[in-house]
Amino acid sequence: TARQAARDLAFTELVWVTARQQSLNLGGGIRTERAQSVNVAEIVAMIFDQVFEDADPKPIALTTEAKQQALRNRLVKDRYLIVVDNLETLEDVENLMPVVRRLRDPG
């Protein structure tokens, strides 16, 4: 559905990251991915890595704020559909929303 929406709504690219805290392993057991609520810096880094995957030269060793600024600059030029999958708790959403609000303008 996300790929179809990205294509139909003329997004430049689809970015898909996950904030999951647990996953199933091949034996059917539950594996902990992260013990705490979502780490905003990790989510920003995952989005950044996908958006700038093909950049030449690729920006490296940036602070979270510098990554957010680079993402804002890119999102002004190109339209990205960004999906953050598996936000499990209200705390996760509340932690991430300020960043989403900063990144969404003007898109």
Protein backbone atom coordinates (compact mmCIF):
# COMPACT_ATOMS: atom_id res chain seq x y z
CA THR A 1 0.00 0.00 0.00
CA ALA A 2 2.81 2.39 0.85
CA ARG A 3 4.61 1.71 -2.45
CA GLN A 4 1.37 2.27 -4.36
CA ALA A 5 0.71 5.54 -2.48
CA ALA A 6 4.28 6.71 -3.09
CA ARG A 7 3.88 6.06 -6.81
CA ASP A 8 0.33 7.42 -7.17
CA LEU A 9 1.00 10.56 -5.13
CA ALA A 10 4.27 11.32 -6.95
CA PHE A 11 6.68 10.91 -4.06
CA THR A 12 10.35 10.81 -5.01
CA GLU A 13 11.02 7.87 -2.73
CA LEU A 14 9.60 5.67 0.01
CA VAL A 15 11.52 5.48 3.30
CA TRP A 16 10.50 2.74 5.72
CA VAL A 17 12.01 2.43 9.20
CA THR A 18 10.92 0.43 12.21
CA ALA A 19 10.72 1.30 15.88
CA ARG A 20 9.79 -2.22 16.94
CA GLN A 21 10.76 -3.35 20.37
CA GLN A 22 10.25 -7.08 19.79
CA SER A 23 10.19 -9.51 16.89
CA LEU A 24 9.66 -13.21 16.33
CA ASN A 25 12.69 -15.37 15.66
CA LEU A 26 12.64 -18.38 13.33
CA GLY A 27 11.89 -20.71 16.24
CA GLY A 28 8.73 -18.79 17.14
CA GLY A 29 10.23 -17.12 20.19
CA ILE A 30 10.10 -13.43 20.92
CA ARG A 31 13.36 -11.55 20.56
CA THR A 32 13.82 -8.13 22.19
CA GLU A 33 15.05 -5.55 19.67
CA ARG A 34 15.25 -2.70 22.19
CA ALA A 35 14.27 -2.61 25.84
CA GLN A 36 13.29 1.04 26.09
CA SER A 37 10.93 3.27 24.17
CA VAL A 38 11.95 4.59 20.78
CA ASN A 39 15.27 6.38 20.58
CA VAL A 40 14.61 9.42 18.42
CA ALA A 41 18.26 9.73 17.42
CA GLU A 42 18.20 6.14 16.09
CA ILE A 43 15.03 6.78 14.07
CA VAL A 44 16.49 9.99 12.62
CA ALA A 45 19.69 8.10 11.75
CA MET A 46 17.74 5.33 9.99
CA ILE A 47 15.72 7.86 7.97
CA PHE A 48 18.89 9.82 7.17
CA ASP A 49 20.73 6.69 6.03
CA GLN A 50 17.95 5.78 3.60
CA VAL A 51 17.46 9.29 2.23
CA PHE A 52 21.18 9.81 1.69
CA GLU A 53 21.97 6.22 0.69
CA ASP A 54 23.09 7.22 -2.82
CA ALA A 55 24.60 10.61 -1.94
CA ASP A 56 28.07 11.28 -3.28
CA PRO A 57 29.89 12.13 -1.12
CA LYS A 58 27.80 10.58 1.63
CA PRO A 59 27.54 12.81 4.72
CA ILE A 60 29.09 11.03 7.69
CA ALA A 61 29.80 11.68 11.38
CA LEU A 62 26.99 14.18 11.81
CA THR A 63 25.16 14.99 15.01
CA THR A 64 21.46 14.18 15.24
CA GLU A 65 20.63 17.88 14.80
CA ALA A 66 22.86 18.13 11.71
CA LYS A 67 21.14 15.04 10.28
CA GLN A 68 17.74 16.61 10.95
CA GLN A 69 18.83 19.81 9.19
CA ALA A 70 20.14 17.85 6.20
CA LEU A 71 16.85 15.94 6.06
CA ARG A 72 14.84 19.19 6.20
CA ASN A 73 16.91 20.58 3.33
CA ARG A 74 16.38 17.43 1.25
CA LEU A 75 12.65 17.27 2.02
CA VAL A 76 12.23 20.83 0.77
CA LYS A 77 13.58 19.74 -2.62
CA ASP A 78 12.15 16.22 -2.95
CA ARG A 79 8.96 14.54 -1.76
CA TYR A 80 9.47 11.48 0.43
CA LEU A 81 6.84 9.22 1.94
CA ILE A 82 8.33 8.31 5.31
CA VAL A 83 6.81 5.40 7.22
CA VAL A 84 7.80 4.75 10.83
CA ASP A 85 6.55 1.26 11.54
CA ASN A 86 5.78 -0.33 14.91
CA LEU A 87 5.42 2.66 17.18
CA GLU A 88 4.14 0.55 20.05
CA THR A 89 3.37 3.02 22.81
CA LEU A 90 2.01 6.51 23.29
CA GLU A 91 5.42 7.41 24.73
CA ASP A 92 7.06 6.38 21.43
CA VAL A 93 4.71 8.62 19.47
CA GLU A 94 5.16 11.54 21.87
CA ASN A 95 8.96 11.22 21.65
CA LEU A 96 8.97 11.20 17.86
CA MET A 97 6.29 13.79 17.05
CA PRO A 98 8.42 16.92 17.63
CA VAL A 99 10.95 15.61 15.11
CA VAL A 100 8.22 14.72 12.62
CA ARG A 101 6.77 18.21 12.92
CA ARG A 102 10.17 19.77 12.19
CA LEU A 103 10.80 17.49 9.21
CA ARG A 104 7.36 17.78 7.61
CA ASP A 105 7.55 21.45 6.64
CA PRO A 106 6.89 22.23 3.87
CA GLY A 107 5.84 18.72 2.83
